[in-house]
PDB file of all heavy atoms in Angstrom:
ATOM      1  N   ILE A   1     -46.905 -26.040 -29.925  1.00  0.00           N
ATOM      2  CA  ILE A   1     -46.986 -26.816 -31.140  1.00  0.00           C
ATOM      3  C   ILE A   1     -46.045 -26.163 -32.167  1.00  0.00           C
ATOM      4  O   ILE A   1     -46.226 -25.021 -32.540  1.00  0.00           O
ATOM      5  CB  ILE A   1     -48.413 -26.823 -31.710  1.00  0.00           C
ATOM      6  CG1 ILE A   1     -49.396 -27.320 -30.643  1.00  0.00           C
ATOM      7  CG2 ILE A   1     -48.492 -27.694 -32.974  1.00  0.00           C
ATOM      8  CD1 ILE A   1     -50.849 -26.958 -30.932  1.00  0.00           C
ATOM      9  N   PRO A   2     -44.992 -26.857 -32.603  1.00  0.00           N
ATOM     10  CA  PRO A   2     -43.977 -26.201 -33.449  1.00  0.00           C
ATOM     11  C   PRO A   2     -44.441 -26.047 -34.893  1.00  0.00           C
ATOM     12  O   PRO A   2     -45.229 -26.832 -35.411  1.00  0.00           O
ATOM     13  CB  PRO A   2     -42.768 -27.164 -33.354  1.00  0.00           C
ATOM     14  CG  PRO A   2     -43.399 -28.488 -33.088  1.00  0.00           C
ATOM     15  CD  PRO A   2     -44.604 -28.233 -32.258  1.00  0.00           C
ATOM     16  N   CYS A   3     -43.917 -25.003 -35.522  1.00  0.00           N
ATOM     17  CA  CYS A   3     -44.148 -24.781 -36.930  1.00  0.00           C
ATOM     18  C   CYS A   3     -43.232 -25.695 -37.752  1.00  0.00           C
ATOM     19  O   CYS A   3     -42.069 -25.867 -37.374  1.00  0.00           O
ATOM     20  CB  CYS A   3     -43.872 -23.323 -37.293  1.00  0.00           C
ATOM     21  SG  CYS A   3     -44.115 -22.911 -39.032  1.00  0.00           S
ATOM     22  N   PRO A   4     -43.713 -26.253 -38.849  1.00  0.00           N
ATOM     23  CA  PRO A   4     -42.836 -27.147 -39.626  1.00  0.00           C
ATOM     24  C   PRO A   4     -41.664 -26.468 -40.284  1.00  0.00           C
ATOM     25  O   PRO A   4     -40.668 -27.114 -40.541  1.00  0.00           O
ATOM     26  CB  PRO A   4     -43.802 -27.737 -40.680  1.00  0.00           C
ATOM     27  CG  PRO A   4     -44.899 -26.757 -40.800  1.00  0.00           C
ATOM     28  CD  PRO A   4     -45.065 -26.152 -39.426  1.00  0.00           C
ATOM     29  N   ARG A   5     -41.758 -25.157 -40.554  1.00  0.00           N
ATOM     30  CA  ARG A   5     -40.710 -24.522 -41.355  1.00  0.00           C
ATOM     31  C   ARG A   5     -40.144 -23.217 -40.778  1.00  0.00           C
ATOM     32  O   ARG A   5     -39.070 -22.781 -41.182  1.00  0.00           O
ATOM     33  CB  ARG A   5     -41.222 -24.230 -42.774  1.00  0.00           C
ATOM     34  CG  ARG A   5     -41.429 -25.443 -43.631  1.00  0.00           C
ATOM     35  CD  ARG A   5     -41.517 -25.100 -45.117  1.00  0.00           C
ATOM     36  NE  ARG A   5     -42.726 -24.389 -45.471  1.00  0.00           N
ATOM     37  CZ  ARG A   5     -42.755 -23.119 -45.854  1.00  0.00           C
ATOM     38  NH1 ARG A   5     -41.626 -22.411 -45.913  1.00  0.00           N
ATOM     39  NH2 ARG A   5     -43.896 -22.530 -46.165  1.00  0.00           N
ATOM     40  N   SER A   6     -40.830 -22.553 -39.860  1.00  0.00           N
ATOM     41  CA  SER A   6     -40.450 -21.199 -39.490  1.00  0.00           C
ATOM     42  C   SER A   6     -39.543 -21.135 -38.268  1.00  0.00           C
ATOM     43  O   SER A   6     -39.669 -21.936 -37.341  1.00  0.00           O
ATOM     44  CB  SER A   6     -41.717 -20.357 -39.205  1.00  0.00           C
ATOM     45  OG  SER A   6     -42.535 -20.299 -40.340  1.00  0.00           O
ATOM     46  N   THR A   7     -38.666 -20.136 -38.270  1.00  0.00           N
ATOM     47  CA  THR A   7     -37.838 -19.855 -37.116  1.00  0.00           C
ATOM     48  C   THR A   7     -38.417 -18.630 -36.399  1.00  0.00           C
ATOM     49  O   THR A   7     -39.294 -17.936 -36.921  1.00  0.00           O
ATOM     50  CB  THR A   7     -36.392 -19.530 -37.538  1.00  0.00           C
ATOM     51  OG1 THR A   7     -36.370 -18.285 -38.248  1.00  0.00           O
ATOM     52  CG2 THR A   7     -35.839 -20.637 -38.426  1.00  0.00           C
ATOM     53  N   VAL A   8     -37.875 -18.343 -35.229  1.00  0.00           N
ATOM     54  CA  VAL A   8     -38.297 -17.162 -34.472  1.00  0.00           C
ATOM     55  C   VAL A   8     -37.963 -15.878 -35.250  1.00  0.00           C
ATOM     56  O   VAL A   8     -38.671 -14.888 -35.127  1.00  0.00           O
ATOM     57  CB  VAL A   8     -37.648 -17.162 -33.082  1.00  0.00           C
ATOM     58  CG1 VAL A   8     -37.754 -15.809 -32.392  1.00  0.00           C
ATOM     59  CG2 VAL A   8     -38.262 -18.268 -32.206  1.00  0.00           C
ATOM     60  N   LEU A   9     -36.911 -15.895 -36.087  1.00  0.00           N
ATOM     61  CA  LEU A   9     -36.604 -14.716 -36.890  1.00  0.00           C
ATOM     62  C   LEU A   9     -37.786 -14.355 -37.798  1.00  0.00           C
ATOM     63  O   LEU A   9     -38.049 -13.181 -38.027  1.00  0.00           O
ATOM     64  CB  LEU A   9     -35.328 -14.945 -37.708  1.00  0.00           C
ATOM     65  CG  LEU A   9     -34.895 -13.707 -38.525  1.00  0.00           C
ATOM     66  CD1 LEU A   9     -34.611 -12.501 -37.629  1.00  0.00           C
ATOM     67  CD2 LEU A   9     -33.665 -14.024 -39.367  1.00  0.00           C
ATOM     68  N   PHE A  10     -38.468 -15.358 -38.349  1.00  0.00           N
ATOM     69  CA  PHE A  10     -39.661 -15.090 -39.156  1.00  0.00           C
ATOM     70  C   PHE A  10     -40.705 -14.376 -38.326  1.00  0.00           C
ATOM     71  O   PHE A  10     -41.350 -13.417 -38.785  1.00  0.00           O
ATOM     72  CB  PHE A  10     -40.215 -16.399 -39.714  1.00  0.00           C
ATOM     73  CG  PHE A  10     -41.558 -16.255 -40.381  1.00  0.00           C
ATOM     74  CD1 PHE A  10     -41.680 -15.556 -41.551  1.00  0.00           C
ATOM     75  CD2 PHE A  10     -42.704 -16.808 -39.809  1.00  0.00           C
ATOM     76  CE1 PHE A  10     -42.923 -15.430 -42.185  1.00  0.00           C
ATOM     77  CE2 PHE A  10     -43.931 -16.676 -40.414  1.00  0.00           C
ATOM     78  CZ  PHE A  10     -44.046 -15.972 -41.609  1.00  0.00           C
ATOM     79  N   ALA A  11     -40.919 -14.824 -37.086  1.00  0.00           N
ATOM     80  CA  ALA A  11     -41.885 -14.180 -36.204  1.00  0.00           C
ATOM     81  C   ALA A  11     -41.478 -12.739 -35.918  1.00  0.00           C
ATOM     82  O   ALA A  11     -42.301 -11.827 -35.959  1.00  0.00           O
ATOM     83  CB  ALA A  11     -41.998 -14.961 -34.896  1.00  0.00           C
ATOM     84  N   TYR A  12     -40.190 -12.513 -35.646  1.00  0.00           N
ATOM     85  CA  TYR A  12     -39.709 -11.164 -35.381  1.00  0.00           C
ATOM     86  C   TYR A  12     -39.945 -10.266 -36.594  1.00  0.00           C
ATOM     87  O   TYR A  12     -40.412  -9.136 -36.451  1.00  0.00           O
ATOM     88  CB  TYR A  12     -38.210 -11.189 -35.061  1.00  0.00           C
ATOM     89  CG  TYR A  12     -37.812 -11.678 -33.689  1.00  0.00           C
ATOM     90  CD1 TYR A  12     -36.491 -11.928 -33.387  1.00  0.00           C
ATOM     91  CD2 TYR A  12     -38.767 -11.916 -32.682  1.00  0.00           C
ATOM     92  CE1 TYR A  12     -36.097 -12.363 -32.115  1.00  0.00           C
ATOM     93  CE2 TYR A  12     -38.385 -12.375 -31.442  1.00  0.00           C
ATOM     94  CZ  TYR A  12     -37.058 -12.590 -31.172  1.00  0.00           C
ATOM     95  OH  TYR A  12     -36.667 -13.029 -29.924  1.00  0.00           O
ATOM     96  N   PHE A  13     -39.584 -10.765 -37.770  1.00  0.00           N
ATOM     97  CA  PHE A  13     -39.700  -9.954 -38.986  1.00  0.00           C
ATOM     98  C   PHE A  13     -41.168  -9.642 -39.284  1.00  0.00           C
ATOM     99  O   PHE A  13     -41.494  -8.525 -39.684  1.00  0.00           O
ATOM    100  CB  PHE A  13     -39.047 -10.657 -40.156  1.00  0.00           C
ATOM    101  CG  PHE A  13     -38.959  -9.810 -41.406  1.00  0.00           C
ATOM    102  CD1 PHE A  13     -37.888  -8.963 -41.619  1.00  0.00           C
ATOM    103  CD2 PHE A  13     -39.982  -9.823 -42.341  1.00  0.00           C
ATOM    104  CE1 PHE A  13     -37.808  -8.139 -42.744  1.00  0.00           C
ATOM    105  CE2 PHE A  13     -39.921  -9.030 -43.488  1.00  0.00           C
ATOM    106  CZ  PHE A  13     -38.835  -8.178 -43.689  1.00  0.00           C
ATOM    107  N   ALA A  14     -42.042 -10.650 -39.122  1.00  0.00           N
ATOM    108  CA  ALA A  14     -43.469 -10.429 -39.427  1.00  0.00           C
ATOM    109  C   ALA A  14     -44.043  -9.318 -38.583  1.00  0.00           C
ATOM    110  O   ALA A  14     -44.763  -8.439 -39.080  1.00  0.00           O
ATOM    111  CB  ALA A  14     -44.206 -11.729 -39.201  1.00  0.00           C
ATOM    112  N   GLN A  15     -43.721  -9.319 -37.278  1.00  0.00           N
ATOM    113  CA  GLN A  15     -44.237  -8.276 -36.408  1.00  0.00           C
ATOM    114  C   GLN A  15     -43.645  -6.918 -36.765  1.00  0.00           C
ATOM    115  O   GLN A  15     -44.378  -5.921 -36.894  1.00  0.00           O
ATOM    116  CB  GLN A  15     -43.924  -8.586 -34.938  1.00  0.00           C
ATOM    117  CG  GLN A  15     -44.471  -7.515 -33.997  1.00  0.00           C
ATOM    118  CD  GLN A  15     -43.858  -7.576 -32.601  1.00  0.00           C
ATOM    119  OE1 GLN A  15     -42.779  -8.126 -32.408  1.00  0.00           O
ATOM    120  NE2 GLN A  15     -44.549  -7.022 -31.629  1.00  0.00           N
ATOM    121  N   TRP A  16     -42.352  -6.865 -36.966  1.00  0.00           N
ATOM    122  CA  TRP A  16     -41.673  -5.606 -37.261  1.00  0.00           C
ATOM    123  C   TRP A  16     -42.151  -5.000 -38.588  1.00  0.00           C
ATOM    124  O   TRP A  16     -42.463  -3.800 -38.657  1.00  0.00           O
ATOM    125  CB  TRP A  16     -40.170  -5.840 -37.297  1.00  0.00           C
ATOM    126  CG  TRP A  16     -39.344  -4.637 -37.611  1.00  0.00           C
ATOM    127  CD1 TRP A  16     -38.994  -3.631 -36.792  1.00  0.00           C
ATOM    128  CD2 TRP A  16     -38.745  -4.325 -38.881  1.00  0.00           C
ATOM    129  NE1 TRP A  16     -38.197  -2.692 -37.427  1.00  0.00           N
ATOM    130  CE2 TRP A  16     -38.052  -3.109 -38.719  1.00  0.00           C
ATOM    131  CE3 TRP A  16     -38.736  -4.956 -40.112  1.00  0.00           C
ATOM    132  CZ2 TRP A  16     -37.338  -2.514 -39.772  1.00  0.00           C
ATOM    133  CZ3 TRP A  16     -38.038  -4.374 -41.161  1.00  0.00           C
ATOM    134  CH2 TRP A  16     -37.350  -3.168 -40.985  1.00  0.00           C
ATOM    135  N   PHE A  17     -42.237  -5.840 -39.608  1.00  0.00           N
ATOM    136  CA  PHE A  17     -42.643  -5.348 -40.943  1.00  0.00           C
ATOM    137  C   PHE A  17     -44.087  -4.852 -40.906  1.00  0.00           C
ATOM    138  O   PHE A  17     -44.380  -3.740 -41.350  1.00  0.00           O
ATOM    139  CB  PHE A  17     -42.465  -6.479 -41.960  1.00  0.00           C
ATOM    140  CG  PHE A  17     -43.241  -6.315 -43.230  1.00  0.00           C
ATOM    141  CD1 PHE A  17     -43.050  -5.215 -44.016  1.00  0.00           C
ATOM    142  CD2 PHE A  17     -44.178  -7.272 -43.635  1.00  0.00           C
ATOM    143  CE1 PHE A  17     -43.764  -5.051 -45.211  1.00  0.00           C
ATOM    144  CE2 PHE A  17     -44.901  -7.125 -44.796  1.00  0.00           C
ATOM    145  CZ  PHE A  17     -44.697  -6.007 -45.580  1.00  0.00           C
ATOM    146  N   THR A  18     -45.013  -5.654 -40.382  1.00  0.00           N
ATOM    147  CA  THR A  18     -46.429  -5.296 -40.455  1.00  0.00           C
ATOM    148  C   THR A  18     -46.796  -4.158 -39.512  1.00  0.00           C
ATOM    149  O   THR A  18     -47.693  -3.354 -39.812  1.00  0.00           O
ATOM    150  CB  THR A  18     -47.326  -6.508 -40.169  1.00  0.00           C
ATOM    151  OG1 THR A  18     -47.031  -7.026 -38.866  1.00  0.00           O
ATOM    152  CG2 THR A  18     -47.098  -7.603 -41.179  1.00  0.00           C
ATOM    153  N   ASP A  19     -46.096  -4.031 -38.397  1.00  0.00           N
ATOM    154  CA  ASP A  19     -46.393  -2.944 -37.475  1.00  0.00           C
ATOM    155  C   ASP A  19     -46.053  -1.587 -38.084  1.00  0.00           C
ATOM    156  O   ASP A  19     -46.424  -0.551 -37.542  1.00  0.00           O
ATOM    157  CB  ASP A  19     -45.649  -3.123 -36.145  1.00  0.00           C
ATOM    158  CG  ASP A  19     -46.405  -4.012 -35.188  1.00  0.00           C
ATOM    159  OD1 ASP A  19     -47.453  -4.565 -35.599  1.00  0.00           O
ATOM    160  OD2 ASP A  19     -45.955  -4.208 -34.049  1.00  0.00           O
ATOM    161  N   GLY A  20     -45.329  -1.587 -39.201  1.00  0.00           N
ATOM    162  CA  GLY A  20     -45.050  -0.326 -39.875  1.00  0.00           C
ATOM    163  C   GLY A  20     -46.265   0.272 -40.523  1.00  0.00           C
ATOM    164  O   GLY A  20     -46.334   1.508 -40.691  1.00  0.00           O
ATOM    165  N   PHE A  21     -47.248  -0.536 -40.943  1.00  0.00           N
ATOM    166  CA  PHE A  21     -48.406   0.026 -41.642  1.00  0.00           C
ATOM    167  C   PHE A  21     -49.738  -0.469 -41.083  1.00  0.00           C
ATOM    168  O   PHE A  21     -50.794   0.044 -41.454  1.00  0.00           O
ATOM    169  CB  PHE A  21     -48.338  -0.261 -43.142  1.00  0.00           C
ATOM    170  CG  PHE A  21     -48.173  -1.707 -43.497  1.00  0.00           C
ATOM    171  CD1 PHE A  21     -49.270  -2.514 -43.688  1.00  0.00           C
ATOM    172  CD2 PHE A  21     -46.912  -2.256 -43.651  1.00  0.00           C
ATOM    173  CE1 PHE A  21     -49.113  -3.863 -43.998  1.00  0.00           C
ATOM    174  CE2 PHE A  21     -46.742  -3.606 -43.971  1.00  0.00           C
ATOM    175  CZ  PHE A  21     -47.856  -4.391 -44.151  1.00  0.00           C
ATOM    176  N   LEU A  22     -49.730  -1.481 -40.218  1.00  0.00           N
ATOM    177  CA  LEU A  22     -50.955  -1.919 -39.550  1.00  0.00           C
ATOM    178  C   LEU A  22     -50.932  -1.374 -38.130  1.00  0.00           C
ATOM    179  O   LEU A  22     -50.453  -1.998 -37.198  1.00  0.00           O
ATOM    180  CB  LEU A  22     -51.038  -3.449 -39.553  1.00  0.00           C
ATOM    181  CG  LEU A  22     -51.128  -4.095 -40.938  1.00  0.00           C
ATOM    182  CD1 LEU A  22     -51.162  -5.619 -40.813  1.00  0.00           C
ATOM    183  CD2 LEU A  22     -52.372  -3.603 -41.695  1.00  0.00           C
ATOM    184  N   ARG A  23     -51.437  -0.179 -37.993  1.00  0.00           N
ATOM    185  CA  ARG A  23     -51.365   0.534 -36.708  1.00  0.00           C
ATOM    186  C   ARG A  23     -52.771   0.949 -36.290  1.00  0.00           C
ATOM    187  O   ARG A  23     -53.493   1.595 -37.038  1.00  0.00           O
ATOM    188  CB  ARG A  23     -50.483   1.787 -36.844  1.00  0.00           C
ATOM    189  CG  ARG A  23     -49.022   1.505 -37.163  1.00  0.00           C
ATOM    190  CD  ARG A  23     -48.227   2.821 -37.286  1.00  0.00           C
ATOM    191  NE  ARG A  23     -48.539   3.713 -36.181  1.00  0.00           N
ATOM    192  CZ  ARG A  23     -47.922   3.665 -35.017  1.00  0.00           C
ATOM    193  NH1 ARG A  23     -46.959   2.763 -34.795  1.00  0.00           N
ATOM    194  NH2 ARG A  23     -48.247   4.509 -34.038  1.00  0.00           N
ATOM    195  N   GLY A  24     -53.143   0.554 -35.077  1.00  0.00           N
ATOM    196  CA  GLY A  24     -54.434   0.966 -34.545  1.00  0.00           C
ATOM    197  C   GLY A  24     -54.425   2.388 -34.039  1.00  0.00           C
ATOM    198  O   GLY A  24     -53.436   3.112 -34.120  1.00  0.00           O
ATOM    199  N   ASP A  25     -55.542   2.774 -33.501  1.00  0.00           N
ATOM    200  CA  ASP A  25     -55.692   4.118 -32.919  1.00  0.00           C
ATOM    201  C   ASP A  25     -54.807   4.243 -31.685  1.00  0.00           C
ATOM    202  O   ASP A  25     -54.739   3.334 -30.841  1.00  0.00           O
ATOM    203  CB  ASP A  25     -57.149   4.329 -32.543  1.00  0.00           C
ATOM    204  CG  ASP A  25     -57.441   5.735 -32.067  1.00  0.00           C
ATOM    205  OD1 ASP A  25     -56.742   6.660 -32.510  1.00  0.00           O
ATOM    206  OD2 ASP A  25     -58.381   5.911 -31.269  1.00  0.00           O
ATOM    207  N   THR A  26     -54.105   5.365 -31.568  1.00  0.00           N
ATOM    208  CA  THR A  26     -53.221   5.565 -30.429  1.00  0.00           C
ATOM    209  C   THR A  26     -53.816   6.541 -29.404  1.00  0.00           C
ATOM    210  O   THR A  26     -53.181   6.840 -28.404  1.00  0.00           O
ATOM    211  CB  THR A  26     -51.858   6.101 -30.883  1.00  0.00           C
ATOM    212  OG1 THR A  26     -52.070   7.326 -31.653  1.00  0.00           O
ATOM    213  CG2 THR A  26     -51.122   5.113 -31.748  1.00  0.00           C
ATOM    214  N   ASN A  27     -55.032   6.990 -29.651  1.00  0.00           N
ATOM    215  CA  ASN A  27     -55.678   7.902 -28.712  1.00  0.00           C
ATOM    216  C   ASN A  27     -56.268   7.115 -27.534  1.00  0.00           C
ATOM    217  O   ASN A  27     -56.473   5.899 -27.584  1.00  0.00           O
ATOM    218  CB  ASN A  27     -56.806   8.694 -29.404  1.00  0.00           C
ATOM    219  CG  ASN A  27     -56.270   9.640 -30.472  1.00  0.00           C
ATOM    220  OD1 ASN A  27     -55.312  10.365 -30.218  1.00  0.00           O
ATOM    221  ND2 ASN A  27     -56.875   9.625 -31.627  1.00  0.00           N
ATOM    222  N   ILE A  28     -56.530   7.835 -26.441  1.00  0.00           N
ATOM    223  CA  ILE A  28     -57.190   7.225 -25.283  1.00  0.00           C
ATOM    224  C   ILE A  28     -58.468   8.040 -24.999  1.00  0.00           C
ATOM    225  O   ILE A  28     -58.415   9.262 -24.801  1.00  0.00           O
ATOM    226  CB  ILE A  28     -56.251   7.266 -24.048  1.00  0.00           C
ATOM    227  CG1 ILE A  28     -54.991   6.443 -24.340  1.00  0.00           C
ATOM    228  CG2 ILE A  28     -56.978   6.716 -22.831  1.00  0.00           C
ATOM    229  CD1 ILE A  28     -53.969   6.502 -23.238  1.00  0.00           C
ATOM    230  N   PRO A  29     -59.644   7.411 -24.990  1.00  0.00           N
ATOM    231  CA  PRO A  29     -59.867   5.958 -25.248  1.00  0.00           C
ATOM    232  C   PRO A  29     -59.694   5.621 -26.725  1.00  0.00           C
ATOM    233  O   PRO A  29     -59.835   6.475 -27.611  1.00  0.00           O
ATOM    234  CB  PRO A  29     -61.337   5.776 -24.824  1.00  0.00           C
ATOM    235  CG  PRO A  29     -61.955   7.106 -25.054  1.00  0.00           C
ATOM    236  CD  PRO A  29     -60.915   8.107 -24.704  1.00  0.00           C
ATOM    237  N   ARG A  30     -59.332   4.379 -26.957  1.00  0.00           N
ATOM    238  CA  ARG A  30     -59.044   3.893 -28.309  1.00  0.00           C
ATOM    239  C   ARG A  30     -60.336   3.662 -29.077  1.00  0.00           C
ATOM    240  O   ARG A  30     -61.316   3.137 -28.555  1.00  0.00           O
ATOM    241  CB  ARG A  30     -58.241   2.601 -28.221  1.00  0.00           C
ATOM    242  CG  ARG A  30     -57.752   2.042 -29.536  1.00  0.00           C
ATOM    243  CD  ARG A  30     -56.946   0.773 -29.286  1.00  0.00           C
ATOM    244  NE  ARG A  30     -57.751  -0.267 -28.690  1.00  0.00           N
ATOM    245  CZ  ARG A  30     -58.455  -1.136 -29.384  1.00  0.00           C
ATOM    246  NH1 ARG A  30     -58.482  -1.073 -30.708  1.00  0.00           N
ATOM    247  NH2 ARG A  30     -59.171  -2.057 -28.783  1.00  0.00           N
ATOM    248  N   ASP A  31     -60.313   4.032 -30.347  1.00  0.00           N
ATOM    249  CA  ASP A  31     -61.464   3.827 -31.246  1.00  0.00           C
ATOM    250  C   ASP A  31     -61.096   2.716 -32.239  1.00  0.00           C
ATOM    251  O   ASP A  31     -60.205   2.927 -33.057  1.00  0.00           O
ATOM    252  CB  ASP A  31     -61.790   5.133 -31.974  1.00  0.00           C
ATOM    253  CG  ASP A  31     -63.047   5.038 -32.836  1.00  0.00           C
ATOM    254  OD1 ASP A  31     -63.502   3.913 -33.115  1.00  0.00           O
ATOM    255  OD2 ASP A  31     -63.567   6.105 -33.232  1.00  0.00           O
ATOM    256  N   PRO A  32     -61.749   1.550 -32.193  1.00  0.00           N
ATOM    257  CA  PRO A  32     -61.363   0.463 -33.099  1.00  0.00           C
ATOM    258  C   PRO A  32     -61.594   0.771 -34.565  1.00  0.00           C
ATOM    259  O   PRO A  32     -61.064   0.059 -35.432  1.00  0.00           O
ATOM    260  CB  PRO A  32     -62.233  -0.705 -32.627  1.00  0.00           C
ATOM    261  CG  PRO A  32     -63.400  -0.073 -31.949  1.00  0.00           C
ATOM    262  CD  PRO A  32     -62.853   1.159 -31.303  1.00  0.00           C
ATOM    263  N   ARG A  33     -62.370   1.811 -34.856  1.00  0.00           N
ATOM    264  CA  ARG A  33     -62.578   2.185 -36.266  1.00  0.00           C
ATOM    265  C   ARG A  33     -61.393   2.922 -36.859  1.00  0.00           C
ATOM    266  O   ARG A  33     -61.231   2.987 -38.071  1.00  0.00           O
ATOM    267  CB  ARG A  33     -63.815   3.075 -36.369  1.00  0.00           C
ATOM    268  CG  ARG A  33     -65.117   2.467 -35.904  1.00  0.00           C
ATOM    269  CD  ARG A  33     -66.211   3.534 -35.922  1.00  0.00           C
ATOM    270  NE  ARG A  33     -65.818   4.703 -35.112  1.00  0.00           N
ATOM    271  CZ  ARG A  33     -66.369   5.921 -35.242  1.00  0.00           C
ATOM    272  NH1 ARG A  33     -67.287   6.138 -36.156  1.00  0.00           N
ATOM    273  NH2 ARG A  33     -65.968   6.897 -34.448  1.00  0.00           N
ATOM    274  N   LYS A  34     -60.556   3.523 -35.985  1.00  0.00           N
ATOM    275  CA  LYS A  34     -59.515   4.438 -36.444  1.00  0.00           C
ATOM    276  C   LYS A  34     -58.161   3.768 -36.481  1.00  0.00           C
ATOM    277  O   LYS A  34     -57.932   2.706 -35.892  1.00  0.00           O
ATOM    278  CB  LYS A  34     -59.470   5.675 -35.516  1.00  0.00           C
ATOM    279  CG  LYS A  34     -60.763   6.416 -35.350  1.00  0.00           C
ATOM    280  CD  LYS A  34     -61.254   7.056 -36.654  1.00  0.00           C
ATOM    281  CE  LYS A  34     -60.451   8.277 -37.029  1.00  0.00           C
ATOM    282  NZ  LYS A  34     -60.653   9.436 -36.154  1.00  0.00           N
ATOM    283  N   ASN A  35     -57.225   4.404 -37.191  1.00  0.00           N
ATOM    284  CA  ASN A  35     -55.845   3.930 -37.268  1.00  0.00           C
ATOM    285  C   ASN A  35     -54.897   5.105 -37.256  1.00  0.00           C
ATOM    286  O   ASN A  35     -55.322   6.253 -37.437  1.00  0.00           O
ATOM    287  CB  ASN A  35     -55.627   3.071 -38.526  1.00  0.00           C
ATOM    288  CG  ASN A  35     -55.763   3.888 -39.794  1.00  0.00           C
ATOM    289  OD1 ASN A  35     -54.819   4.603 -40.165  1.00  0.00           O
ATOM    290  ND2 ASN A  35     -56.886   3.778 -40.481  1.00  0.00           N
ATOM    291  N   SER A  36     -53.623   4.826 -37.016  1.00  0.00           N
ATOM    292  CA  SER A  36     -52.584   5.857 -37.038  1.00  0.00           C
ATOM    293  C   SER A  36     -51.533   5.550 -38.082  1.00  0.00           C
ATOM    294  O   SER A  36     -50.347   5.816 -37.898  1.00  0.00           O
ATOM    295  CB  SER A  36     -51.954   5.977 -35.640  1.00  0.00           C
ATOM    296  OG  SER A  36     -51.426   4.714 -35.229  1.00  0.00           O
ATOM    297  N   SER A  37     -51.982   4.958 -39.190  1.00  0.00           N
ATOM    298  CA  SER A  37     -51.057   4.449 -40.210  1.00  0.00           C
ATOM    299  C   SER A  37     -50.860   5.417 -41.352  1.00  0.00           C
ATOM    300  O   SER A  37     -51.755   6.196 -41.694  1.00  0.00           O
ATOM    301  CB  SER A  37     -51.595   3.109 -40.750  1.00  0.00           C
ATOM    302  OG  SER A  37     -50.800   2.647 -41.822  1.00  0.00           O
ATOM    303  N   ASN A  38     -49.673   5.355 -41.953  1.00  0.00           N
ATOM    304  CA  ASN A  38     -49.434   6.057 -43.235  1.00  0.00           C
ATOM    305  C   ASN A  38     -49.885   5.204 -44.423  1.00  0.00           C
ATOM    306  O   ASN A  38     -49.860   5.663 -45.565  1.00  0.00           O
ATOM    307  CB  ASN A  38     -47.955   6.389 -43.388  1.00  0.00           C
ATOM    308  CG  ASN A  38     -47.499   7.457 -42.427  1.00  0.00           C
ATOM    309  OD1 ASN A  38     -48.299   8.280 -41.987  1.00  0.00           O
ATOM    310  ND2 ASN A  38     -46.239   7.434 -42.064  1.00  0.00           N
ATOM    311  N   HIS A  39     -50.257   3.955 -44.182  1.00  0.00           N
ATOM    312  CA  HIS A  39     -50.759   3.014 -45.179  1.00  0.00           C
ATOM    313  C   HIS A  39     -49.716   2.681 -46.268  1.00  0.00           C
ATOM    314  O   HIS A  39     -50.052   2.195 -47.341  1.00  0.00           O
ATOM    315  CB  HIS A  39     -52.028   3.543 -45.840  1.00  0.00           C
ATOM    316  CG  HIS A  39     -53.153   3.746 -44.876  1.00  0.00           C
ATOM    317  ND1 HIS A  39     -53.979   2.742 -44.476  1.00  0.00           N
ATOM    318  CD2 HIS A  39     -53.556   4.856 -44.184  1.00  0.00           C
ATOM    319  CE1 HIS A  39     -54.867   3.195 -43.605  1.00  0.00           C
ATOM    320  NE2 HIS A  39     -54.616   4.475 -43.410  1.00  0.00           N
ATOM    321  N   HIS A  40     -48.453   2.945 -45.986  1.00  0.00           N
ATOM    322  CA  HIS A  40     -47.391   2.610 -46.908  1.00  0.00           C
ATOM    323  C   HIS A  40     -46.315   1.786 -46.199  1.00  0.00           C
ATOM    324  O   HIS A  40     -46.139   1.880 -44.970  1.00  0.00           O
ATOM    325  CB  HIS A  40     -46.707   3.860 -47.459  1.00  0.00           C
ATOM    326  CG  HIS A  40     -47.438   4.539 -48.559  1.00  0.00           C
ATOM    327  ND1 HIS A  40     -47.720   3.911 -49.755  1.00  0.00           N
ATOM    328  CD2 HIS A  40     -47.968   5.788 -48.644  1.00  0.00           C
ATOM    329  CE1 HIS A  40     -48.373   4.779 -50.542  1.00  0.00           C
ATOM    330  NE2 HIS A  40     -48.537   5.899 -49.882  1.00  0.00           N
ATOM    331  N   ILE A  41     -45.599   0.989 -46.983  1.00  0.00           N
ATOM    332  CA  ILE A  41     -44.343   0.438 -46.492  1.00  0.00           C
ATOM    333  C   ILE A  41     -43.341   1.570 -46.614  1.00  0.00           C
ATOM    334  O   ILE A  41     -42.785   1.825 -47.705  1.00  0.00           O
ATOM    335  CB  ILE A  41     -43.925  -0.803 -47.300  1.00  0.00           C
ATOM    336  CG1 ILE A  41     -44.981  -1.893 -47.178  1.00  0.00           C
ATOM    337  CG2 ILE A  41     -42.546  -1.300 -46.844  1.00  0.00           C
ATOM    338  CD1 ILE A  41     -44.722  -3.096 -48.094  1.00  0.00           C
TER     339      ILE A  41
END
């Protein structure tokens, strides 16, 4: 189902930008309560 306005570049940028500060736990096993973020852009 196509988006009325967005290109794939928007999708690429959204993932790249937000993955900079929205980071889950990187330990194994993973704890959903924890994060590995600096909480900054």
